[in-house]
Amino acid sequence: MEYFIAFVVGGLICVVGQLLLDFAKLTPAHVMSSFVVIGAVLDGFGLYDKFIDFAGAGATVPITSFGHSLLHGAMHQADKHGLVGIGMGIFELTSAGISAAILFAFLVALIFKPKG
């Protein structure tokens, strides 16, 4: 049953994104940024961890989880190290994803010729 819930929740997040693209005429960058901010705001109110407990991968795979991870890491390190911890914490949980995105973008740029 947990796979079904994860599938439905992840799918609903994608449906909301597609509806924003189609009907609100937002750009993909606007939708992606909005979802990151929504994830961070939900984490700020302590709701995103409950959402993850309910939906599992349906809540951790979409881009909203990136906002959650940014804020979650920043708040955790801010408690330990103060103001400097905010900068450290932002990259604590997300560094692997950011590094992978940079590496794969570089490899794709080597293989394909960009338009321009």
PDB file of N, CA and C in Angstrom:
ATOM      1  N   MET A   1       0.823  -1.194   0.000  1.00  0.00           N
ATOM      2  CA  MET A   1       0.000   0.000   0.000  1.00  0.00           C
ATOM      3  C   MET A   1       0.868   1.260   0.000  1.00  0.00           C
ATOM      4  N   GLU A   2       2.055   1.179   0.660  1.00  0.00           N
ATOM      5  CA  GLU A   2       2.902   2.373   0.711  1.00  0.00           C
ATOM      6  C   GLU A   2       3.425   2.752  -0.669  1.00  0.00           C
ATOM      7  N   TYR A   3       3.631   1.772  -1.562  1.00  0.00           N
ATOM      8  CA  TYR A   3       4.044   2.087  -2.927  1.00  0.00           C
ATOM      9  C   TYR A   3       2.938   2.831  -3.663  1.00  0.00           C
ATOM     10  N   PHE A   4       1.709   2.416  -3.447  1.00  0.00           N
ATOM     11  CA  PHE A   4       0.571   3.077  -4.087  1.00  0.00           C
ATOM     12  C   PHE A   4       0.445   4.518  -3.610  1.00  0.00           C
ATOM     13  N   ILE A   5       0.563   4.728  -2.306  1.00  0.00           N
ATOM     14  CA  ILE A   5       0.462   6.087  -1.756  1.00  0.00           C
ATOM     15  C   ILE A   5       1.600   6.959  -2.299  1.00  0.00           C
ATOM     16  N   ALA A   6       2.813   6.422  -2.352  1.00  0.00           N
ATOM     17  CA  ALA A   6       3.943   7.181  -2.890  1.00  0.00           C
ATOM     18  C   ALA A   6       3.707   7.544  -4.349  1.00  0.00           C
ATOM     19  N   PHE A   7       3.187   6.592  -5.118  1.00  0.00           N
ATOM     20  CA  PHE A   7       2.897   6.840  -6.535  1.00  0.00           C
ATOM     21  C   PHE A   7       1.849   7.917  -6.700  1.00  0.00           C
ATOM     22  N   VAL A   8       0.781   7.840  -5.934  1.00  0.00           N
ATOM     23  CA  VAL A   8      -0.309   8.813  -6.052  1.00  0.00           C
ATOM     24  C   VAL A   8       0.146  10.206  -5.615  1.00  0.00           C
ATOM     25  N   VAL A   9       0.835  10.292  -4.491  1.00  0.00           N
ATOM     26  CA  VAL A   9       1.276  11.604  -3.992  1.00  0.00           C
ATOM     27  C   VAL A   9       2.293  12.226  -4.948  1.00  0.00           C
ATOM     28  N   GLY A  10       3.286  11.466  -5.370  1.00  0.00           N
ATOM     29  CA  GLY A  10       4.257  11.981  -6.336  1.00  0.00           C
ATOM     30  C   GLY A  10       3.594  12.390  -7.634  1.00  0.00           C
ATOM     31  N   GLY A  11       2.637  11.585  -8.082  1.00  0.00           N
ATOM     32  CA  GLY A  11       1.896  11.919  -9.296  1.00  0.00           C
ATOM     33  C   GLY A  11       1.071  13.181  -9.149  1.00  0.00           C
ATOM     34  N   LEU A  12       0.459  13.366  -7.983  1.00  0.00           N
ATOM     35  CA  LEU A  12      -0.327  14.588  -7.762  1.00  0.00           C
ATOM     36  C   LEU A  12       0.552  15.837  -7.750  1.00  0.00           C
ATOM     37  N   ILE A  13       1.744  15.721  -7.195  1.00  0.00           N
ATOM     38  CA  ILE A  13       2.674  16.855  -7.229  1.00  0.00           C
ATOM     39  C   ILE A  13       3.026  17.186  -8.677  1.00  0.00           C
ATOM     40  N   CYS A  14       3.248  16.170  -9.481  1.00  0.00           N
ATOM     41  CA  CYS A  14       3.545  16.389 -10.900  1.00  0.00           C
ATOM     42  C   CYS A  14       2.350  16.974 -11.646  1.00  0.00           C
ATOM     43  N   VAL A  15       1.149  16.527 -11.304  1.00  0.00           N
ATOM     44  CA  VAL A  15      -0.057  17.060 -11.940  1.00  0.00           C
ATOM     45  C   VAL A  15      -0.210  18.545 -11.617  1.00  0.00           C
ATOM     46  N   VAL A  16       0.033  18.915 -10.367  1.00  0.00           N
ATOM     47  CA  VAL A  16      -0.053  20.331  -9.993  1.00  0.00           C
ATOM     48  C   VAL A  16       0.961  21.143 -10.799  1.00  0.00           C
ATOM     49  N   GLY A  17       2.168  20.634 -10.928  1.00  0.00           N
ATOM     50  CA  GLY A  17       3.184  21.322 -11.727  1.00  0.00           C
ATOM     51  C   GLY A  17       2.773  21.470 -13.176  1.00  0.00           C
ATOM     52  N   GLN A  18       2.209  20.416 -13.749  1.00  0.00           N
ATOM     53  CA  GLN A  18       1.774  20.475 -15.145  1.00  0.00           C
ATOM     54  C   GLN A  18       0.617  21.442 -15.326  1.00  0.00           C
ATOM     55  N   LEU A  19      -0.303  21.467 -14.365  1.00  0.00           N
ATOM     56  CA  LEU A  19      -1.417  22.424 -14.442  1.00  0.00           C
ATOM     57  C   LEU A  19      -0.927  23.863 -14.358  1.00  0.00           C
ATOM     58  N   LEU A  20       0.079  24.099 -13.518  1.00  0.00           N
ATOM     59  CA  LEU A  20       0.655  25.442 -13.438  1.00  0.00           C
ATOM     60  C   LEU A  20       1.321  25.833 -14.755  1.00  0.00           C
ATOM     61  N   LEU A  21       1.967  24.879 -15.393  1.00  0.00           N
ATOM     62  CA  LEU A  21       2.593  25.160 -16.690  1.00  0.00           C
ATOM     63  C   LEU A  21       1.541  25.447 -17.768  1.00  0.00           C
ATOM     64  N   ASP A  22       0.478  24.651 -17.778  1.00  0.00           N
ATOM     65  CA  ASP A  22      -0.510  24.754 -18.852  1.00  0.00           C
ATOM     66  C   ASP A  22      -1.485  25.912 -18.677  1.00  0.00           C
ATOM     67  N   PHE A  23      -2.004  26.077 -17.477  1.00  0.00           N
ATOM     68  CA  PHE A  23      -3.081  27.042 -17.286  1.00  0.00           C
ATOM     69  C   PHE A  23      -2.633  28.366 -16.685  1.00  0.00           C
ATOM     70  N   ALA A  24      -1.638  28.351 -15.831  1.00  0.00           N
ATOM     71  CA  ALA A  24      -1.154  29.596 -15.237  1.00  0.00           C
ATOM     72  C   ALA A  24      -0.083  30.236 -16.115  1.00  0.00           C
ATOM     73  N   LYS A  25       0.330  29.515 -17.152  1.00  0.00           N
ATOM     74  CA  LYS A  25       1.339  29.994 -18.093  1.00  0.00           C
ATOM     75  C   LYS A  25       2.640  30.395 -17.405  1.00  0.00           C
ATOM     76  N   LEU A  26       2.996  29.646 -16.370  1.00  0.00           N
ATOM     77  CA  LEU A  26       4.272  29.866 -15.713  1.00  0.00           C
ATOM     78  C   LEU A  26       5.361  29.119 -16.477  1.00  0.00           C
ATOM     79  N   THR A  27       6.565  29.615 -16.380  1.00  0.00           N
ATOM     80  CA  THR A  27       7.694  28.926 -17.012  1.00  0.00           C
ATOM     81  C   THR A  27       8.130  27.760 -16.121  1.00  0.00           C
ATOM     82  N   PRO A  28       8.848  26.800 -16.690  1.00  0.00           N
ATOM     83  CA  PRO A  28       9.345  25.703 -15.844  1.00  0.00           C
ATOM     84  C   PRO A  28      10.203  26.200 -14.681  1.00  0.00           C
ATOM     85  N   ALA A  29      10.959  27.259 -14.894  1.00  0.00           N
ATOM     86  CA  ALA A  29      11.780  27.804 -13.812  1.00  0.00           C
ATOM     87  C   ALA A  29      10.911  28.349 -12.682  1.00  0.00           C
ATOM     88  N   HIS A  30       9.802  28.996 -13.019  1.00  0.00           N
ATOM     89  CA  HIS A  30       8.899  29.503 -11.989  1.00  0.00           C
ATOM     90  C   HIS A  30       8.280  28.362 -11.186  1.00  0.00           C
ATOM     91  N   VAL A  31       7.859  27.319 -11.875  1.00  0.00           N
ATOM     92  CA  VAL A  31       7.227  26.185 -11.195  1.00  0.00           C
ATOM     93  C   VAL A  31       8.241  25.486 -10.296  1.00  0.00           C
ATOM     94  N   MET A  32       9.435  25.260 -10.811  1.00  0.00           N
ATOM     95  CA  MET A  32      10.460  24.580 -10.021  1.00  0.00           C
ATOM     96  C   MET A  32      10.835  25.414  -8.795  1.00  0.00           C
ATOM     97  N   SER A  33      11.036  26.693  -8.982  1.00  0.00           N
ATOM     98  CA  SER A  33      11.371  27.565  -7.849  1.00  0.00           C
ATOM     99  C   SER A  33      10.244  27.603  -6.831  1.00  0.00           C
ATOM    100  N   SER A  34       9.015  27.650  -7.313  1.00  0.00           N
ATOM    101  CA  SER A  34       7.860  27.666  -6.407  1.00  0.00           C
ATOM    102  C   SER A  34       7.787  26.395  -5.586  1.00  0.00           C
ATOM    103  N   PHE A  35       8.042  25.260  -6.209  1.00  0.00           N
ATOM    104  CA  PHE A  35       7.995  23.995  -5.484  1.00  0.00           C
ATOM    105  C   PHE A  35       9.102  23.901  -4.435  1.00  0.00           C
ATOM    106  N   VAL A  36      10.284  24.434  -4.750  1.00  0.00           N
ATOM    107  CA  VAL A  36      11.375  24.437  -3.774  1.00  0.00           C
ATOM    108  C   VAL A  36      10.988  25.304  -2.582  1.00  0.00           C
ATOM    109  N   VAL A  37      10.403  26.466  -2.855  1.00  0.00           N
ATOM    110  CA  VAL A  37       9.990  27.361  -1.773  1.00  0.00           C
ATOM    111  C   VAL A  37       8.866  26.730  -0.952  1.00  0.00           C
ATOM    112  N   ILE A  38       7.924  26.079  -1.616  1.00  0.00           N
ATOM    113  CA  ILE A  38       6.823  25.412  -0.894  1.00  0.00           C
ATOM    114  C   ILE A  38       7.381  24.332   0.034  1.00  0.00           C
ATOM    115  N   GLY A  39       8.346  23.553  -0.454  1.00  0.00           N
ATOM    116  CA  GLY A  39       8.966  22.532   0.391  1.00  0.00           C
ATOM    117  C   GLY A  39       9.666  23.135   1.598  1.00  0.00           C
ATOM    118  N   ALA A  40      10.336  24.270   1.388  1.00  0.00           N
ATOM    119  CA  ALA A  40      11.028  24.930   2.499  1.00  0.00           C
ATOM    120  C   ALA A  40      10.035  25.500   3.503  1.00  0.00           C
ATOM    121  N   VAL A  41       8.949  26.090   3.012  1.00  0.00           N
ATOM    122  CA  VAL A  41       7.940  26.666   3.908  1.00  0.00           C
ATOM    123  C   VAL A  41       7.259  25.564   4.722  1.00  0.00           C
ATOM    124  N   LEU A  42       6.911  24.471   4.062  1.00  0.00           N
ATOM    125  CA  LEU A  42       6.293  23.359   4.788  1.00  0.00           C
ATOM    126  C   LEU A  42       7.241  22.803   5.854  1.00  0.00           C
ATOM    127  N   ASP A  43       8.535  22.754   5.530  1.00  0.00           N
ATOM    128  CA  ASP A  43       9.503  22.291   6.530  1.00  0.00           C
ATOM    129  C   ASP A  43       9.626  23.300   7.664  1.00  0.00           C
ATOM    130  N   GLY A  44       9.542  24.573   7.335  1.00  0.00           N
ATOM    131  CA  GLY A  44       9.610  25.602   8.368  1.00  0.00           C
ATOM    132  C   GLY A  44       8.494  25.488   9.386  1.00  0.00           C
ATOM    133  N   PHE A  45       7.335  25.058   8.939  1.00  0.00           N
ATOM    134  CA  PHE A  45       6.208  24.852   9.844  1.00  0.00           C
ATOM    135  C   PHE A  45       6.174  23.444  10.435  1.00  0.00           C
ATOM    136  N   GLY A  46       7.163  22.635  10.102  1.00  0.00           N
ATOM    137  CA  GLY A  46       7.246  21.282  10.647  1.00  0.00           C
ATOM    138  C   GLY A  46       6.287  20.297  10.007  1.00  0.00           C
ATOM    139  N   LEU A  47       5.793  20.614   8.810  1.00  0.00           N
ATOM    140  CA  LEU A  47       4.813  19.752   8.157  1.00  0.00           C
ATOM    141  C   LEU A  47       5.435  18.775   7.158  1.00  0.00           C
ATOM    142  N   TYR A  48       6.600  19.114   6.612  1.00  0.00           N
ATOM    143  CA  TYR A  48       7.136  18.266   5.548  1.00  0.00           C
ATOM    144  C   TYR A  48       7.599  16.914   6.061  1.00  0.00           C
ATOM    145  N   ASP A  49       8.125  16.853   7.280  1.00  0.00           N
ATOM    146  CA  ASP A  49       8.516  15.549   7.832  1.00  0.00           C
ATOM    147  C   ASP A  49       7.304  14.644   8.013  1.00  0.00           C
ATOM    148  N   LYS A  50       6.181  15.213   8.413  1.00  0.00           N
ATOM    149  CA  LYS A  50       4.938  14.428   8.522  1.00  0.00           C
ATOM    150  C   LYS A  50       4.475  13.972   7.144  1.00  0.00           C
ATOM    151  N   PHE A  51       4.654  14.841   6.147  1.00  0.00           N
ATOM    152  CA  PHE A  51       4.305  14.512   4.764  1.00  0.00           C
ATOM    153  C   PHE A  51       5.167  13.350   4.269  1.00  0.00           C
ATOM    154  N   ILE A  52       6.457  13.351   4.610  1.00  0.00           N
ATOM    155  CA  ILE A  52       7.354  12.255   4.229  1.00  0.00           C
ATOM    156  C   ILE A  52       6.946  10.967   4.928  1.00  0.00           C
ATOM    157  N   ASP A  53       6.573  11.062   6.199  1.00  0.00           N
ATOM    158  CA  ASP A  53       6.119   9.867   6.920  1.00  0.00           C
ATOM    159  C   ASP A  53       4.894   9.255   6.253  1.00  0.00           C
ATOM    160  N   PHE A  54       4.012  10.093   5.720  1.00  0.00           N
ATOM    161  CA  PHE A  54       2.806   9.609   5.065  1.00  0.00           C
ATOM    162  C   PHE A  54       3.097   9.075   3.667  1.00  0.00           C
ATOM    163  N   ALA A  55       3.826   9.857   2.860  1.00  0.00           N
ATOM    164  CA  ALA A  55       3.954   9.540   1.436  1.00  0.00           C
ATOM    165  C   ALA A  55       5.248   8.839   1.054  1.00  0.00           C
ATOM    166  N   GLY A  56       6.226   8.790   1.924  1.00  0.00           N
ATOM    167  CA  GLY A  56       7.482   8.119   1.598  1.00  0.00           C
ATOM    168  C   GLY A  56       8.170   8.743   0.403  1.00  0.00           C
ATOM    169  N   ALA A  57       8.496   7.911  -0.583  1.00  0.00           N
ATOM    170  CA  ALA A  57       9.202   8.392  -1.772  1.00  0.00           C
ATOM    171  C   ALA A  57       8.371   9.376  -2.575  1.00  0.00           C
ATOM    172  N   GLY A  58       7.061   9.347  -2.426  1.00  0.00           N
ATOM    173  CA  GLY A  58       6.212  10.314  -3.112  1.00  0.00           C
ATOM    174  C   GLY A  58       6.457  11.731  -2.643  1.00  0.00           C
ATOM    175  N   ALA A  59       7.055  11.876  -1.465  1.00  0.00           N
ATOM    176  CA  ALA A  59       7.381  13.200  -0.942  1.00  0.00           C
ATOM    177  C   ALA A  59       8.877  13.495  -0.994  1.00  0.00           C
ATOM    178  N   THR A  60       9.724  12.460  -1.059  1.00  0.00           N
ATOM    179  CA  THR A  60      11.166  12.709  -1.053  1.00  0.00           C
ATOM    180  C   THR A  60      11.765  12.832  -2.447  1.00  0.00           C
ATOM    181  N   VAL A  61      11.113  12.300  -3.460  1.00  0.00           N
ATOM    182  CA  VAL A  61      11.666  12.346  -4.808  1.00  0.00           C
ATOM    183  C   VAL A  61      11.387  13.673  -5.523  1.00  0.00           C
ATOM    184  N   PRO A  62      10.203  14.265  -5.436  1.00  0.00           N
ATOM    185  CA  PRO A  62       9.947  15.515  -6.173  1.00  0.00           C
ATOM    186  C   PRO A  62      10.818  16.671  -5.681  1.00  0.00           C
ATOM    187  N   ILE A  63      10.845  17.741  -6.456  1.00  0.00           N
ATOM    188  CA  ILE A  63      11.699  18.896  -6.184  1.00  0.00           C
ATOM    189  C   ILE A  63      11.328  19.594  -4.877  1.00  0.00           C
ATOM    190  N   THR A  64      10.134  19.396  -4.375  1.00  0.00           N
ATOM    191  CA  THR A  64       9.760  20.001  -3.103  1.00  0.00           C
ATOM    192  C   THR A  64      10.660  19.510  -1.973  1.00  0.00           C
ATOM    193  N   SER A  65      11.158  18.308  -2.096  1.00  0.00           N
ATOM    194  CA  SER A  65      12.051  17.756  -1.086  1.00  0.00           C
ATOM    195  C   SER A  65      13.390  18.482  -1.051  1.00  0.00           C
ATOM    196  N   PHE A  66      13.797  19.072  -2.170  1.00  0.00           N
ATOM    197  CA  PHE A  66      15.044  19.829  -2.197  1.00  0.00           C
ATOM    198  C   PHE A  66      14.935  21.052  -1.291  1.00  0.00           C
ATOM    199  N   GLY A  67      13.808  21.752  -1.349  1.00  0.00           N
ATOM    200  CA  GLY A  67      13.588  22.888  -0.459  1.00  0.00           C
ATOM    201  C   GLY A  67      13.564  22.460   0.992  1.00  0.00           C
ATOM    202  N   HIS A  68      12.931  21.333   1.251  1.00  0.00           N
ATOM    203  CA  HIS A  68      12.904  20.764   2.604  1.00  0.00           C
ATOM    204  C   HIS A  68      14.315  20.467   3.088  1.00  0.00           C
ATOM    205  N   SER A  69      15.128  19.861   2.235  1.00  0.00           N
ATOM    206  CA  SER A  69      16.492  19.508   2.617  1.00  0.00           C
ATOM    207  C   SER A  69      17.352  20.747   2.864  1.00  0.00           C
ATOM    208  N   LEU A  70      17.177  21.768   2.037  1.00  0.00           N
ATOM    209  CA  LEU A  70      17.938  23.001   2.230  1.00  0.00           C
ATOM    210  C   LEU A  70      17.654  23.608   3.599  1.00  0.00           C
ATOM    211  N   LEU A  71      16.378  23.776   3.904  1.00  0.00           N
ATOM    212  CA  LEU A  71      16.008  24.419   5.162  1.00  0.00           C
ATOM    213  C   LEU A  71      16.308  23.513   6.358  1.00  0.00           C
ATOM    214  N   HIS A  72      16.046  22.232   6.195  1.00  0.00           N
ATOM    215  CA  HIS A  72      16.269  21.284   7.282  1.00  0.00           C
ATOM    216  C   HIS A  72      17.748  21.278   7.703  1.00  0.00           C
ATOM    217  N   GLY A  73      18.635  21.199   6.723  1.00  0.00           N
ATOM    218  CA  GLY A  73      20.061  21.215   7.023  1.00  0.00           C
ATOM    219  C   GLY A  73      20.513  22.537   7.617  1.00  0.00           C
ATOM    220  N   ALA A  74      19.993  23.636   7.078  1.00  0.00           N
ATOM    221  CA  ALA A  74      20.376  24.956   7.580  1.00  0.00           C
ATOM    222  C   ALA A  74      19.935  25.140   9.030  1.00  0.00           C
ATOM    223  N   MET A  75      18.729  24.742   9.345  1.00  0.00           N
ATOM    224  CA  MET A  75      18.233  24.906  10.713  1.00  0.00           C
ATOM    225  C   MET A  75      18.982  24.003  11.696  1.00  0.00           C
ATOM    226  N   HIS A  76      19.303  22.797  11.255  1.00  0.00           N
ATOM    227  CA  HIS A  76      20.028  21.861  12.118  1.00  0.00           C
ATOM    228  C   HIS A  76      21.415  22.412  12.465  1.00  0.00           C
ATOM    229  N   GLN A  77      22.129  22.896  11.454  1.00  0.00           N
ATOM    230  CA  GLN A  77      23.470  23.424  11.700  1.00  0.00           C
ATOM    231  C   GLN A  77      23.435  24.779  12.393  1.00  0.00           C
ATOM    232  N   ALA A  78      22.376  25.555  12.178  1.00  0.00           N
ATOM    233  CA  ALA A  78      22.258  26.842  12.867  1.00  0.00           C
ATOM    234  C   ALA A  78      22.112  26.630  14.369  1.00  0.00           C
ATOM    235  N   ASP A  79      21.434  25.572  14.747  1.00  0.00           N
ATOM    236  CA  ASP A  79      21.321  25.255  16.174  1.00  0.00           C
ATOM    237  C   ASP A  79      22.685  24.918  16.782  1.00  0.00           C
ATOM    238  N   LYS A  80      23.541  24.262  16.005  1.00  0.00           N
ATOM    239  CA  LYS A  80      24.867  23.858  16.503  1.00  0.00           C
ATOM    240  C   LYS A  80      25.893  24.993  16.445  1.00  0.00           C
ATOM    241  N   HIS A  81      25.931  25.711  15.299  1.00  0.00           N
ATOM    242  CA  HIS A  81      27.030  26.646  15.044  1.00  0.00           C
ATOM    243  C   HIS A  81      26.591  28.099  14.891  1.00  0.00           C
ATOM    244  N   GLY A  82      25.351  28.394  15.075  1.00  0.00           N
ATOM    245  CA  GLY A  82      24.877  29.769  14.938  1.00  0.00           C
ATOM    246  C   GLY A  82      24.758  30.198  13.490  1.00  0.00           C
ATOM    247  N   LEU A  83      25.044  31.457  13.227  1.00  0.00           N
ATOM    248  CA  LEU A  83      24.858  32.040  11.896  1.00  0.00           C
ATOM    249  C   LEU A  83      25.718  31.357  10.835  1.00  0.00           C
ATOM    250  N   VAL A  84      26.935  30.977  11.178  1.00  0.00           N
ATOM    251  CA  VAL A  84      27.814  30.293  10.220  1.00  0.00           C
ATOM    252  C   VAL A  84      27.235  28.933   9.842  1.00  0.00           C
ATOM    253  N   GLY A  85      26.524  28.310  10.761  1.00  0.00           N
ATOM    254  CA  GLY A  85      25.937  27.001  10.508  1.00  0.00           C
ATOM    255  C   GLY A  85      24.889  27.002   9.421  1.00  0.00           C
ATOM    256  N   ILE A  86      24.259  28.150   9.200  1.00  0.00           N
ATOM    257  CA  ILE A  86      23.242  28.220   8.134  1.00  0.00           C
ATOM    258  C   ILE A  86      23.885  27.920   6.790  1.00  0.00           C
ATOM    259  N   GLY A  87      25.005  28.569   6.500  1.00  0.00           N
ATOM    260  CA  GLY A  87      25.703  28.319   5.240  1.00  0.00           C
ATOM    261  C   GLY A  87      26.224  26.901   5.136  1.00  0.00           C
ATOM    262  N   MET A  88      26.701  26.360   6.246  1.00  0.00           N
ATOM    263  CA  MET A  88      27.201  24.987   6.246  1.00  0.00           C
ATOM    264  C   MET A  88      26.053  23.996   6.041  1.00  0.00           C
ATOM    265  N   GLY A  89      24.944  24.246   6.702  1.00  0.00           N
ATOM    266  CA  GLY A  89      23.834  23.308   6.676  1.00  0.00           C
ATOM    267  C   GLY A  89      23.106  23.231   5.354  1.00  0.00           C
ATOM    268  N   ILE A  90      23.086  24.338   4.622  1.00  0.00           N
ATOM    269  CA  ILE A  90      22.402  24.340   3.326  1.00  0.00           C
ATOM    270  C   ILE A  90      22.989  23.269   2.418  1.00  0.00           C
ATOM    271  N   PHE A  91      24.302  23.136   2.464  1.00  0.00           N
ATOM    272  CA  PHE A  91      24.960  22.188   1.568  1.00  0.00           C
ATOM    273  C   PHE A  91      25.196  20.820   2.185  1.00  0.00           C
ATOM    274  N   GLU A  92      24.930  20.670   3.472  1.00  0.00           N
ATOM    275  CA  GLU A  92      25.168  19.393   4.140  1.00  0.00           C
ATOM    276  C   GLU A  92      24.313  18.272   3.536  1.00  0.00           C
ATOM    277  N   LEU A  93      23.044  18.510   3.387  1.00  0.00           N
ATOM    278  CA  LEU A  93      22.144  17.464   2.894  1.00  0.00           C
ATOM    279  C   LEU A  93      22.002  17.458   1.371  1.00  0.00           C
ATOM    280  N   THR A  94      22.362  18.550   0.720  1.00  0.00           N
ATOM    281  CA  THR A  94      22.108  18.662  -0.714  1.00  0.00           C
ATOM    282  C   THR A  94      23.358  18.599  -1.572  1.00  0.00           C
ATOM    283  N   SER A  95      24.513  18.500  -0.964  1.00  0.00           N
ATOM    284  CA  SER A  95      25.760  18.571  -1.738  1.00  0.00           C
ATOM    285  C   SER A  95      25.881  17.440  -2.758  1.00  0.00           C
ATOM    286  N   ALA A  96      25.429  16.259  -2.437  1.00  0.00           N
ATOM    287  CA  ALA A  96      25.532  15.145  -3.391  1.00  0.00           C
ATOM    288  C   ALA A  96      24.678  15.413  -4.633  1.00  0.00           C
ATOM    289  N   GLY A  97      23.478  15.910  -4.436  1.00  0.00           N
ATOM    290  CA  GLY A  97      22.605  16.218  -5.572  1.00  0.00           C
ATOM    291  C   GLY A  97      23.137  17.355  -6.417  1.00  0.00           C
ATOM    292  N   ILE A  98      23.644  18.388  -5.770  1.00  0.00           N
ATOM    293  CA  ILE A  98      24.204  19.524  -6.507  1.00  0.00           C
ATOM    294  C   ILE A  98      25.442  19.084  -7.281  1.00  0.00           C
ATOM    295  N   SER A  99      26.303  18.296  -6.649  1.00  0.00           N
ATOM    296  CA  SER A  99      27.518  17.805  -7.318  1.00  0.00           C
ATOM    297  C   SER A  99      27.168  16.923  -8.507  1.00  0.00           C
ATOM    298  N   ALA A 100      26.179  16.061  -8.346  1.00  0.00           N
ATOM    299  CA  ALA A 100      25.770  15.189  -9.452  1.00  0.00           C
ATOM    300  C   ALA A 100      25.212  16.013 -10.607  1.00  0.00           C
ATOM    301  N   ALA A 101      24.428  17.032 -10.313  1.00  0.00           N
ATOM    302  CA  ALA A 101      23.865  17.876 -11.367  1.00  0.00           C
ATOM    303  C   ALA A 101      24.975  18.580 -12.144  1.00  0.00           C
ATOM    304  N   ILE A 102      25.978  19.088 -11.444  1.00  0.00           N
ATOM    305  CA  ILE A 102      27.093  19.758 -12.115  1.00  0.00           C
ATOM    306  C   ILE A 102      27.882  18.767 -12.970  1.00  0.00           C
ATOM    307  N   LEU A 103      28.175  17.598 -12.422  1.00  0.00           N
ATOM    308  CA  LEU A 103      28.942  16.590 -13.152  1.00  0.00           C
ATOM    309  C   LEU A 103      28.207  16.125 -14.402  1.00  0.00           C
ATOM    310  N   PHE A 104      26.930  15.787 -14.267  1.00  0.00           N
ATOM    311  CA  PHE A 104      26.180  15.298 -15.423  1.00  0.00           C
ATOM    312  C   PHE A 104      25.971  16.391 -16.470  1.00  0.00           C
ATOM    313  N   ALA A 105      25.786  17.629 -16.041  1.00  0.00           N
ATOM    314  CA  ALA A 105      25.670  18.733 -16.999  1.00  0.00           C
ATOM    315  C   ALA A 105      26.972  18.903 -17.779  1.00  0.00           C
ATOM    316  N   PHE A 106      28.094  18.765 -17.097  1.00  0.00           N
ATOM    317  CA  PHE A 106      29.392  18.853 -17.761  1.00  0.00           C
ATOM    318  C   PHE A 106      29.559  17.727 -18.779  1.00  0.00           C
ATOM    319  N   LEU A 107      29.210  16.498 -18.386  1.00  0.00           N
ATOM    320  CA  LEU A 107      29.344  15.362 -19.304  1.00  0.00           C
ATOM    321  C   LEU A 107      28.437  15.510 -20.518  1.00  0.00           C
ATOM    322  N   VAL A 108      27.231  15.971 -20.307  1.00  0.00           N
ATOM    323  CA  VAL A 108      26.313  16.173 -21.434  1.00  0.00           C
ATOM    324  C   VAL A 108      26.850  17.266 -22.349  1.00  0.00           C
ATOM    325  N   ALA A 109      27.429  18.325 -21.787  1.00  0.00           N
ATOM    326  CA  ALA A 109      27.995  19.399 -22.598  1.00  0.00           C
ATOM    327  C   ALA A 109      29.169  18.904 -23.434  1.00  0.00           C
ATOM    328  N   LEU A 110      29.916  17.918 -22.922  1.00  0.00           N
ATOM    329  CA  LEU A 110      31.017  17.355 -23.702  1.00  0.00           C
ATOM    330  C   LEU A 110      30.518  16.495 -24.866  1.00  0.00           C
ATOM    331  N   ILE A 111      29.403  15.821 -24.645  1.00  0.00           N
ATOM    332  CA  ILE A 111      28.908  14.869 -25.654  1.00  0.00           C
ATOM    333  C   ILE A 111      28.094  15.568 -26.732  1.00  0.00           C
ATOM    334  N   PHE A 112      27.237  16.512 -26.352  1.00  0.00           N
ATOM    335  CA  PHE A 112      26.331  17.135 -27.305  1.00  0.00           C
ATOM    336  C   PHE A 112      26.747  18.565 -27.601  1.00  0.00           C
ATOM    337  N   LYS A 113      26.421  19.008 -28.808  1.00  0.00           N
ATOM    338  CA  LYS A 113      26.727  20.385 -29.194  1.00  0.00           C
ATOM    339  C   LYS A 113      25.557  21.287 -28.804  1.00  0.00           C
ATOM    340  N   PRO A 114      25.810  22.285 -27.970  1.00  0.00           N
ATOM    341  CA  PRO A 114      24.711  23.157 -27.557  1.00  0.00           C
ATOM    342  C   PRO A 114      24.260  24.059 -28.695  1.00  0.00           C
ATOM    343  N   LYS A 115      22.980  24.412 -28.686  1.00  0.00           N
ATOM    344  CA  LYS A 115      22.457  25.341 -29.686  1.00  0.00           C
ATOM    345  C   LYS A 115      22.838  26.745 -29.248  1.00  0.00           C
ATOM    346  N   GLY A 116      23.032  27.596 -30.195  1.00  0.00           N
ATOM    347  CA  GLY A 116      23.354  28.943 -29.760  1.00  0.00           C
ATOM    348  C   GLY A 116      23.670  29.805 -30.864  1.00  0.00           C
TER     349      GLY A 116
END
